[in-house]
Amino acid sequence: MSTSFSLSLELVLLMGWLLKHEKKTLKKIINQSLEAGLLKEIELVDTFSKEELLDMNSDFSQELHNSILDFLVFLEDILIEGLEIKDTKEEQDFTPTIQKINNQKLDNKTVLLSLKKTNNQIDNAKNKSNSKKQEQLKDILFSELLKNWMPKTNEPIN
C-alpha cells in the first residue's frame, strides 16, 4: 500500500481558505458529525491496539487510507466543478494581457496576488460593457502589478 498522497494546488488553496474564512462552518460540520455517529466510530477504533492501528498492511489501515483518498477526491471534484462553472470567457480575456508580462522582472507571487485583486475588483464591477470591461481589466491588472511589484535593488532600471 502506498502511504503518500499528491494534492493539487487548488485543493491546498481550498483547505487554506476554508481554515482562514470558514472555521465556524467547519466546527459546525464536525460537531454535527460527532452527534450523528462519528463519536461511536471513534470509540470503536479505540478498542484496537496500537500495533493493529500501525500495521500498514491491515484491512483497517487500508480502509483509513481509502477514506482519506475518497474525501480528497470528492473535495477536488467539487472544486473542479465550481471552477468549470465560472465564466471561461473572462479567463480567456486575461491570457493575452498576462502573456505581455515580463516573467524575468516579476515573480509568480506578485502576478498571482495582482490577479486575485484584479478578479475581486472585476467581480464588483460586472455590469460594465464588454469593450470597456476589457480595457478596464488591463488597467486594473497592470495597476495591481505595479502596486505589488518590489523591484530588486540591483536592477539597472526601476
N, C-alpha and C. Protein backbone atom coordinates (compact mmCIF):
# COMPACT_ATOMS: atom_id res chain seq x y z
N MET A 1 0.84 -1.17 0.00
CA MET A 1 0.00 0.00 0.00
C MET A 1 0.88 1.24 0.00
N SER A 2 0.57 2.18 -0.85
CA SER A 2 1.29 3.44 -0.90
C SER A 2 0.80 4.34 0.23
N THR A 3 1.71 5.01 0.91
CA THR A 3 1.32 5.87 2.03
C THR A 3 1.43 7.35 1.69
N SER A 4 1.74 7.68 0.46
CA SER A 4 1.88 9.09 0.11
C SER A 4 0.68 9.58 -0.68
N PHE A 5 0.44 10.87 -0.58
CA PHE A 5 -0.67 11.50 -1.29
C PHE A 5 -0.11 12.62 -2.15
N SER A 6 -0.82 12.92 -3.20
CA SER A 6 -0.48 14.06 -4.04
C SER A 6 -1.70 14.96 -4.09
N LEU A 7 -1.54 16.21 -3.66
CA LEU A 7 -2.65 17.14 -3.63
C LEU A 7 -2.44 18.22 -4.68
N SER A 8 -3.53 18.60 -5.34
CA SER A 8 -3.42 19.68 -6.31
C SER A 8 -3.26 21.01 -5.58
N LEU A 9 -2.70 21.97 -6.27
CA LEU A 9 -2.53 23.30 -5.71
C LEU A 9 -3.89 23.89 -5.34
N GLU A 10 -4.88 23.67 -6.20
CA GLU A 10 -6.22 24.19 -5.94
C GLU A 10 -6.80 23.63 -4.65
N LEU A 11 -6.58 22.34 -4.42
CA LEU A 11 -7.10 21.71 -3.21
C LEU A 11 -6.40 22.25 -1.96
N VAL A 12 -5.11 22.45 -2.04
CA VAL A 12 -4.37 23.01 -0.91
C VAL A 12 -4.84 24.45 -0.64
N LEU A 13 -5.05 25.22 -1.72
CA LEU A 13 -5.56 26.58 -1.54
C LEU A 13 -6.95 26.58 -0.93
N LEU A 14 -7.79 25.63 -1.34
CA LEU A 14 -9.13 25.50 -0.76
C LEU A 14 -9.03 25.23 0.74
N MET A 15 -8.18 24.29 1.13
CA MET A 15 -8.05 23.96 2.54
C MET A 15 -7.57 25.18 3.35
N GLY A 16 -6.61 25.90 2.82
CA GLY A 16 -6.13 27.11 3.49
C GLY A 16 -7.21 28.16 3.60
N TRP A 17 -7.97 28.33 2.52
CA TRP A 17 -9.05 29.32 2.52
C TRP A 17 -10.14 28.95 3.52
N LEU A 18 -10.49 27.68 3.55
CA LEU A 18 -11.51 27.23 4.50
C LEU A 18 -11.06 27.48 5.94
N LEU A 19 -9.79 27.20 6.23
CA LEU A 19 -9.28 27.44 7.58
C LEU A 19 -9.27 28.93 7.92
N LYS A 20 -9.02 29.75 6.93
CA LYS A 20 -8.95 31.18 7.18
C LYS A 20 -10.35 31.82 7.28
N HIS A 21 -11.29 31.36 6.44
CA HIS A 21 -12.58 32.05 6.32
C HIS A 21 -13.79 31.28 6.83
N GLU A 22 -13.68 29.98 7.02
CA GLU A 22 -14.86 29.18 7.36
C GLU A 22 -14.65 28.27 8.57
N LYS A 23 -13.90 28.74 9.54
CA LYS A 23 -13.65 27.92 10.72
C LYS A 23 -14.95 27.59 11.46
N LYS A 24 -15.85 28.56 11.57
CA LYS A 24 -17.10 28.32 12.27
C LYS A 24 -17.93 27.25 11.56
N THR A 25 -17.96 27.32 10.23
CA THR A 25 -18.71 26.32 9.45
C THR A 25 -18.10 24.94 9.61
N LEU A 26 -16.76 24.86 9.56
CA LEU A 26 -16.09 23.57 9.73
C LEU A 26 -16.34 23.01 11.13
N LYS A 27 -16.30 23.89 12.13
CA LYS A 27 -16.57 23.45 13.51
C LYS A 27 -18.00 22.90 13.61
N LYS A 28 -18.94 23.57 12.96
CA LYS A 28 -20.34 23.13 12.98
C LYS A 28 -20.49 21.76 12.31
N ILE A 29 -19.82 21.58 11.18
CA ILE A 29 -19.87 20.29 10.46
C ILE A 29 -19.30 19.18 11.34
N ILE A 30 -18.18 19.46 11.99
CA ILE A 30 -17.54 18.45 12.84
C ILE A 30 -18.43 18.10 14.02
N ASN A 31 -19.00 19.11 14.67
CA ASN A 31 -19.89 18.84 15.81
C ASN A 31 -21.13 18.05 15.39
N GLN A 32 -21.70 18.38 14.22
CA GLN A 32 -22.85 17.63 13.71
C GLN A 32 -22.46 16.18 13.43
N SER A 33 -21.26 15.98 12.90
CA SER A 33 -20.78 14.63 12.60
C SER A 33 -20.61 13.81 13.87
N LEU A 34 -20.07 14.45 14.90
CA LEU A 34 -19.90 13.75 16.18
C LEU A 34 -21.25 13.32 16.75
N GLU A 35 -22.22 14.21 16.67
CA GLU A 35 -23.56 13.90 17.19
C GLU A 35 -24.27 12.84 16.34
N ALA A 36 -23.96 12.79 15.05
CA ALA A 36 -24.65 11.87 14.13
C ALA A 36 -24.03 10.48 14.08
N GLY A 37 -23.00 10.21 14.89
CA GLY A 37 -22.47 8.85 14.91
C GLY A 37 -20.96 8.74 14.82
N LEU A 38 -20.27 9.83 14.52
CA LEU A 38 -18.81 9.76 14.43
C LEU A 38 -18.19 9.42 15.78
N LEU A 39 -18.76 9.93 16.84
CA LEU A 39 -18.24 9.65 18.18
C LEU A 39 -18.24 8.15 18.47
N LYS A 40 -19.30 7.44 18.06
CA LYS A 40 -19.37 5.99 18.27
C LYS A 40 -18.29 5.27 17.47
N GLU A 41 -18.04 5.75 16.23
CA GLU A 41 -16.99 5.13 15.41
C GLU A 41 -15.62 5.34 16.04
N ILE A 42 -15.38 6.52 16.58
CA ILE A 42 -14.09 6.81 17.22
C ILE A 42 -13.91 5.93 18.45
N GLU A 43 -14.96 5.77 19.24
CA GLU A 43 -14.88 4.90 20.42
C GLU A 43 -14.62 3.46 20.03
N LEU A 44 -15.18 3.01 18.89
CA LEU A 44 -14.95 1.66 18.40
C LEU A 44 -13.49 1.47 18.01
N VAL A 45 -12.90 2.47 17.38
CA VAL A 45 -11.50 2.40 16.96
C VAL A 45 -10.59 2.32 18.18
N ASP A 46 -10.99 2.96 19.26
CA ASP A 46 -10.17 2.93 20.48
C ASP A 46 -10.00 1.52 21.03
N THR A 47 -10.84 0.57 20.60
CA THR A 47 -10.71 -0.81 21.08
C THR A 47 -9.55 -1.54 20.41
N PHE A 48 -9.04 -1.01 19.29
CA PHE A 48 -7.89 -1.63 18.61
C PHE A 48 -6.62 -1.29 19.37
N SER A 49 -5.66 -2.20 19.30
CA SER A 49 -4.36 -1.94 19.93
C SER A 49 -3.53 -1.07 18.99
N LYS A 50 -2.50 -0.43 19.56
CA LYS A 50 -1.63 0.42 18.75
C LYS A 50 -0.97 -0.37 17.62
N GLU A 51 -0.60 -1.61 17.90
CA GLU A 51 0.06 -2.43 16.89
C GLU A 51 -0.88 -2.67 15.71
N GLU A 52 -2.14 -2.93 16.01
CA GLU A 52 -3.11 -3.17 14.93
C GLU A 52 -3.33 -1.90 14.10
N LEU A 53 -3.36 -0.75 14.75
CA LEU A 53 -3.58 0.50 14.03
C LEU A 53 -2.36 0.90 13.19
N LEU A 54 -1.17 0.57 13.67
CA LEU A 54 0.05 0.94 12.96
C LEU A 54 0.43 -0.04 11.87
N ASP A 55 -0.18 -1.21 11.83
CA ASP A 55 0.11 -2.21 10.80
C ASP A 55 -0.39 -1.71 9.45
N MET A 56 0.55 -1.30 8.59
CA MET A 56 0.20 -0.70 7.30
C MET A 56 -0.47 -1.68 6.34
N ASN A 57 -0.38 -2.95 6.59
CA ASN A 57 -0.96 -3.94 5.68
C ASN A 57 -2.33 -4.45 6.16
N SER A 58 -2.81 -3.93 7.26
CA SER A 58 -4.09 -4.41 7.78
C SER A 58 -5.26 -3.86 6.96
N ASP A 59 -6.39 -4.54 7.05
CA ASP A 59 -7.59 -4.09 6.35
C ASP A 59 -8.04 -2.72 6.88
N PHE A 60 -7.91 -2.54 8.20
CA PHE A 60 -8.32 -1.28 8.79
C PHE A 60 -7.46 -0.12 8.27
N SER A 61 -6.17 -0.35 8.18
CA SER A 61 -5.26 0.66 7.66
C SER A 61 -5.61 0.99 6.21
N GLN A 62 -5.92 -0.03 5.43
CA GLN A 62 -6.31 0.18 4.03
C GLN A 62 -7.61 0.98 3.95
N GLU A 63 -8.54 0.68 4.86
CA GLU A 63 -9.82 1.41 4.88
C GLU A 63 -9.61 2.88 5.23
N LEU A 64 -8.72 3.16 6.18
CA LEU A 64 -8.41 4.55 6.54
C LEU A 64 -7.78 5.29 5.36
N HIS A 65 -6.86 4.62 4.71
CA HIS A 65 -6.19 5.20 3.55
C HIS A 65 -7.20 5.52 2.46
N ASN A 66 -8.12 4.59 2.20
CA ASN A 66 -9.14 4.81 1.18
C ASN A 66 -10.10 5.93 1.57
N SER A 67 -10.40 6.05 2.85
CA SER A 67 -11.27 7.13 3.31
C SER A 67 -10.65 8.49 3.04
N ILE A 68 -9.36 8.60 3.31
CA ILE A 68 -8.66 9.87 3.05
C ILE A 68 -8.68 10.18 1.56
N LEU A 69 -8.34 9.19 0.76
CA LEU A 69 -8.33 9.40 -0.69
C LEU A 69 -9.72 9.77 -1.22
N ASP A 70 -10.74 9.05 -0.78
CA ASP A 70 -12.10 9.34 -1.23
C ASP A 70 -12.52 10.75 -0.85
N PHE A 71 -12.19 11.17 0.35
CA PHE A 71 -12.55 12.51 0.82
C PHE A 71 -11.86 13.58 -0.03
N LEU A 72 -10.55 13.42 -0.24
CA LEU A 72 -9.80 14.40 -1.03
C LEU A 72 -10.25 14.43 -2.48
N VAL A 73 -10.53 13.28 -3.05
CA VAL A 73 -11.02 13.23 -4.44
C VAL A 73 -12.38 13.90 -4.54
N PHE A 74 -13.25 13.65 -3.55
CA PHE A 74 -14.57 14.29 -3.54
C PHE A 74 -14.44 15.81 -3.47
N LEU A 75 -13.58 16.31 -2.56
CA LEU A 75 -13.36 17.75 -2.46
C LEU A 75 -12.84 18.33 -3.77
N GLU A 76 -11.88 17.63 -4.36
CA GLU A 76 -11.29 18.12 -5.60
C GLU A 76 -12.31 18.12 -6.74
N ASP A 77 -13.15 17.09 -6.80
CA ASP A 77 -14.19 17.04 -7.84
C ASP A 77 -15.16 18.21 -7.71
N ILE A 78 -15.58 18.50 -6.48
CA ILE A 78 -16.49 19.63 -6.26
C ILE A 78 -15.80 20.94 -6.64
N LEU A 79 -14.54 21.09 -6.27
CA LEU A 79 -13.79 22.30 -6.58
C LEU A 79 -13.64 22.47 -8.09
N ILE A 80 -13.32 21.40 -8.79
CA ILE A 80 -13.16 21.47 -10.25
C ILE A 80 -14.48 21.83 -10.92
N GLU A 81 -15.58 21.23 -10.45
CA GLU A 81 -16.90 21.59 -10.98
C GLU A 81 -17.16 23.08 -10.81
N GLY A 82 -16.86 23.60 -9.63
CA GLY A 82 -17.07 25.02 -9.37
C GLY A 82 -16.20 25.90 -10.24
N LEU A 83 -14.96 25.47 -10.49
CA LEU A 83 -14.07 26.26 -11.34
C LEU A 83 -14.52 26.22 -12.80
N GLU A 84 -15.06 25.09 -13.24
CA GLU A 84 -15.52 24.97 -14.62
C GLU A 84 -16.78 25.78 -14.87
N ILE A 85 -17.62 25.92 -13.84
CA ILE A 85 -18.84 26.69 -13.99
C ILE A 85 -18.53 28.17 -14.20
N LYS A 86 -17.44 28.63 -13.60
CA LYS A 86 -17.05 30.03 -13.73
C LYS A 86 -16.94 30.39 -15.21
N ASP A 87 -17.33 31.58 -15.52
CA ASP A 87 -17.35 32.03 -16.92
C ASP A 87 -15.96 31.94 -17.53
N THR A 88 -15.80 31.05 -18.52
CA THR A 88 -14.49 30.84 -19.14
C THR A 88 -14.10 32.00 -20.03
N LYS A 89 -15.06 32.78 -20.47
CA LYS A 89 -14.73 33.92 -21.32
C LYS A 89 -13.85 34.92 -20.60
N GLU A 90 -14.14 35.19 -19.32
CA GLU A 90 -13.32 36.11 -18.55
C GLU A 90 -11.90 35.57 -18.39
N GLU A 91 -11.78 34.26 -18.21
CA GLU A 91 -10.45 33.67 -18.06
C GLU A 91 -9.65 33.83 -19.36
N GLN A 92 -10.29 33.71 -20.51
CA GLN A 92 -9.60 33.87 -21.77
C GLN A 92 -9.19 35.32 -21.99
N ASP A 93 -9.95 36.26 -21.45
CA ASP A 93 -9.61 37.67 -21.57
C ASP A 93 -8.29 37.99 -20.89
N PHE A 94 -7.97 37.28 -19.83
CA PHE A 94 -6.72 37.51 -19.11
C PHE A 94 -5.50 37.06 -19.91
N THR A 95 -5.64 36.02 -20.69
CA THR A 95 -4.50 35.38 -21.34
C THR A 95 -3.63 36.33 -22.15
N PRO A 96 -4.17 37.11 -23.09
CA PRO A 96 -3.29 37.98 -23.87
C PRO A 96 -2.57 39.02 -23.01
N THR A 97 -3.25 39.50 -22.00
CA THR A 97 -2.66 40.50 -21.12
C THR A 97 -1.53 39.89 -20.29
N ILE A 98 -1.76 38.71 -19.77
CA ILE A 98 -0.75 38.05 -18.94
C ILE A 98 0.49 37.68 -19.76
N GLN A 99 0.28 37.33 -21.02
CA GLN A 99 1.41 36.95 -21.87
C GLN A 99 2.35 38.12 -22.14
N LYS A 100 1.88 39.34 -21.96
CA LYS A 100 2.71 40.52 -22.19
C LYS A 100 3.61 40.83 -21.00
N ILE A 101 3.38 40.15 -19.89
CA ILE A 101 4.16 40.41 -18.68
C ILE A 101 5.54 39.77 -18.80
N ASN A 102 6.56 40.52 -18.47
CA ASN A 102 7.93 40.02 -18.50
C ASN A 102 8.18 39.21 -17.23
N ASN A 103 8.26 37.89 -17.38
CA ASN A 103 8.42 37.00 -16.23
C ASN A 103 9.76 37.16 -15.53
N GLN A 104 10.73 37.72 -16.20
CA GLN A 104 12.03 37.90 -15.57
C GLN A 104 12.02 39.04 -14.56
N LYS A 105 11.11 39.99 -14.73
CA LYS A 105 11.06 41.15 -13.85
C LYS A 105 10.07 40.98 -12.70
N LEU A 106 9.07 40.11 -12.88
CA LEU A 106 8.05 39.91 -11.86
C LEU A 106 8.01 38.44 -11.45
N ASP A 107 7.95 38.21 -10.15
CA ASP A 107 7.87 36.83 -9.68
C ASP A 107 6.41 36.36 -9.71
N ASN A 108 6.21 35.05 -9.65
CA ASN A 108 4.87 34.47 -9.75
C ASN A 108 3.96 34.92 -8.61
N LYS A 109 4.52 35.10 -7.43
CA LYS A 109 3.71 35.53 -6.28
C LYS A 109 3.09 36.90 -6.55
N THR A 110 3.86 37.81 -7.11
CA THR A 110 3.36 39.14 -7.42
C THR A 110 2.25 39.07 -8.46
N VAL A 111 2.44 38.25 -9.48
CA VAL A 111 1.43 38.11 -10.53
C VAL A 111 0.15 37.51 -9.97
N LEU A 112 0.27 36.44 -9.16
CA LEU A 112 -0.91 35.79 -8.59
C LEU A 112 -1.67 36.73 -7.65
N LEU A 113 -0.94 37.47 -6.82
CA LEU A 113 -1.58 38.43 -5.91
C LEU A 113 -2.31 39.51 -6.71
N SER A 114 -1.68 39.97 -7.76
CA SER A 114 -2.30 41.00 -8.60
C SER A 114 -3.54 40.47 -9.32
N LEU A 115 -3.46 39.24 -9.81
CA LEU A 115 -4.61 38.62 -10.48
C LEU A 115 -5.77 38.45 -9.50
N LYS A 116 -5.47 38.06 -8.28
CA LYS A 116 -6.51 37.88 -7.27
C LYS A 116 -7.22 39.20 -6.99
N LYS A 117 -6.45 40.26 -6.78
CA LYS A 117 -7.05 41.57 -6.51
C LYS A 117 -7.81 42.08 -7.73
N THR A 118 -7.29 41.81 -8.91
CA THR A 118 -7.98 42.22 -10.13
C THR A 118 -9.31 41.50 -10.25
N ASN A 119 -9.32 40.20 -9.99
CA ASN A 119 -10.57 39.42 -10.03
C ASN A 119 -11.60 39.98 -9.06
N ASN A 120 -11.15 40.34 -7.87
CA ASN A 120 -12.08 40.90 -6.88
C ASN A 120 -12.69 42.20 -7.37
N GLN A 121 -11.88 43.05 -7.98
CA GLN A 121 -12.40 44.32 -8.48
C GLN A 121 -13.33 44.11 -9.67
N ILE A 122 -13.02 43.13 -10.50
CA ILE A 122 -13.86 42.84 -11.67
C ILE A 122 -15.20 42.29 -11.22
N ASP A 123 -15.19 41.42 -10.21
CA ASP A 123 -16.44 40.88 -9.68
C ASP A 123 -17.34 42.00 -9.16
N ASN A 124 -16.73 43.04 -8.61
CA ASN A 124 -17.50 44.16 -8.09
C ASN A 124 -18.10 45.03 -9.19
N ALA A 125 -17.53 44.98 -10.38
CA ALA A 125 -18.00 45.82 -11.48
C ALA A 125 -18.41 44.99 -12.69
N LYS A 126 -19.18 43.94 -12.49
CA LYS A 126 -19.54 43.00 -13.57
C LYS A 126 -20.49 43.58 -14.60
N ASN A 127 -21.22 44.63 -14.28
CA ASN A 127 -22.25 45.10 -15.19
C ASN A 127 -21.77 46.12 -16.21
N LYS A 128 -20.48 46.26 -16.40
CA LYS A 128 -19.93 47.19 -17.40
C LYS A 128 -20.03 46.56 -18.80
N SER A 129 -19.93 47.41 -19.83
CA SER A 129 -19.96 46.89 -21.21
C SER A 129 -18.69 46.12 -21.51
N ASN A 130 -18.73 45.26 -22.53
CA ASN A 130 -17.61 44.36 -22.83
C ASN A 130 -16.33 45.08 -23.24
N SER A 131 -16.41 46.06 -24.14
CA SER A 131 -15.20 46.74 -24.58
C SER A 131 -14.58 47.55 -23.45
N LYS A 132 -15.41 48.23 -22.68
CA LYS A 132 -14.91 48.96 -21.53
C LYS A 132 -14.35 47.99 -20.49
N LYS A 133 -15.01 46.86 -20.36
CA LYS A 133 -14.60 45.86 -19.39
C LYS A 133 -13.20 45.32 -19.72
N GLN A 134 -12.95 45.04 -20.99
CA GLN A 134 -11.64 44.51 -21.42
C GLN A 134 -10.54 45.54 -21.16
N GLU A 135 -10.81 46.78 -21.46
CA GLU A 135 -9.82 47.84 -21.24
C GLU A 135 -9.62 48.06 -19.74
N GLN A 136 -10.71 48.03 -19.00
CA GLN A 136 -10.62 48.20 -17.55
C GLN A 136 -9.86 47.03 -16.92
N LEU A 137 -10.06 45.84 -17.46
CA LEU A 137 -9.36 44.66 -16.98
C LEU A 137 -7.85 44.85 -17.08
N LYS A 138 -7.39 45.33 -18.23
CA LYS A 138 -5.96 45.57 -18.41
C LYS A 138 -5.46 46.62 -17.43
N ASP A 139 -6.21 47.72 -17.32
CA ASP A 139 -5.79 48.81 -16.43
C ASP A 139 -5.69 48.33 -14.98
N ILE A 140 -6.68 47.58 -14.53
CA ILE A 140 -6.68 47.10 -13.15
C ILE A 140 -5.52 46.14 -12.92
N LEU A 141 -5.32 45.20 -13.87
CA LEU A 141 -4.25 44.23 -13.72
C LEU A 141 -2.89 44.92 -13.65
N PHE A 142 -2.61 45.82 -14.58
CA PHE A 142 -1.31 46.48 -14.57
C PHE A 142 -1.15 47.38 -13.35
N SER A 143 -2.22 47.99 -12.89
CA SER A 143 -2.18 48.79 -11.67
C SER A 143 -1.83 47.92 -10.47
N GLU A 144 -2.47 46.76 -10.37
CA GLU A 144 -2.19 45.84 -9.27
C GLU A 144 -0.76 45.30 -9.36
N LEU A 145 -0.29 45.03 -10.57
CA LEU A 145 1.09 44.56 -10.72
C LEU A 145 2.08 45.60 -10.20
N LEU A 146 1.83 46.86 -10.55
CA LEU A 146 2.73 47.92 -10.09
C LEU A 146 2.66 48.09 -8.58
N LYS A 147 1.48 47.96 -7.99
CA LYS A 147 1.34 48.09 -6.54
C LYS A 147 2.10 46.98 -5.81
N ASN A 148 2.07 45.78 -6.36
CA ASN A 148 2.66 44.62 -5.68
C ASN A 148 4.11 44.36 -6.06
N TRP A 149 4.62 45.06 -7.05
CA TRP A 149 5.97 44.81 -7.54
C TRP A 149 6.99 45.41 -6.59
N MET A 150 7.91 44.59 -6.17
CA MET A 150 9.01 45.03 -5.34
C MET A 150 10.30 44.83 -6.14
N PRO A 151 10.77 45.89 -6.82
CA PRO A 151 11.95 45.72 -7.67
C PRO A 151 13.19 45.41 -6.83
N LYS A 152 14.06 44.63 -7.43
CA LYS A 152 15.32 44.32 -6.78
C LYS A 152 16.25 45.52 -6.89
N THR A 153 17.00 45.76 -5.85
CA THR A 153 17.84 46.96 -5.84
C THR A 153 18.99 46.88 -6.83
N ASN A 154 19.37 45.71 -7.25
CA ASN A 154 20.49 45.58 -8.15
C ASN A 154 20.10 45.67 -9.62
N GLU A 155 18.83 45.94 -9.90
CA GLU A 155 18.40 46.09 -11.29
C GLU A 155 18.76 47.48 -11.79
N PRO A 156 19.23 47.61 -13.03
CA PRO A 156 19.65 48.91 -13.53
C PRO A 156 18.48 49.88 -13.72
N ILE A 157 17.29 49.38 -14.02
CA ILE A 157 16.13 50.25 -14.26
C ILE A 157 15.04 49.85 -13.30
N ASN A 158 14.52 50.80 -12.53
CA ASN A 158 13.43 50.55 -11.60
C ASN A 158 12.25 51.40 -11.97
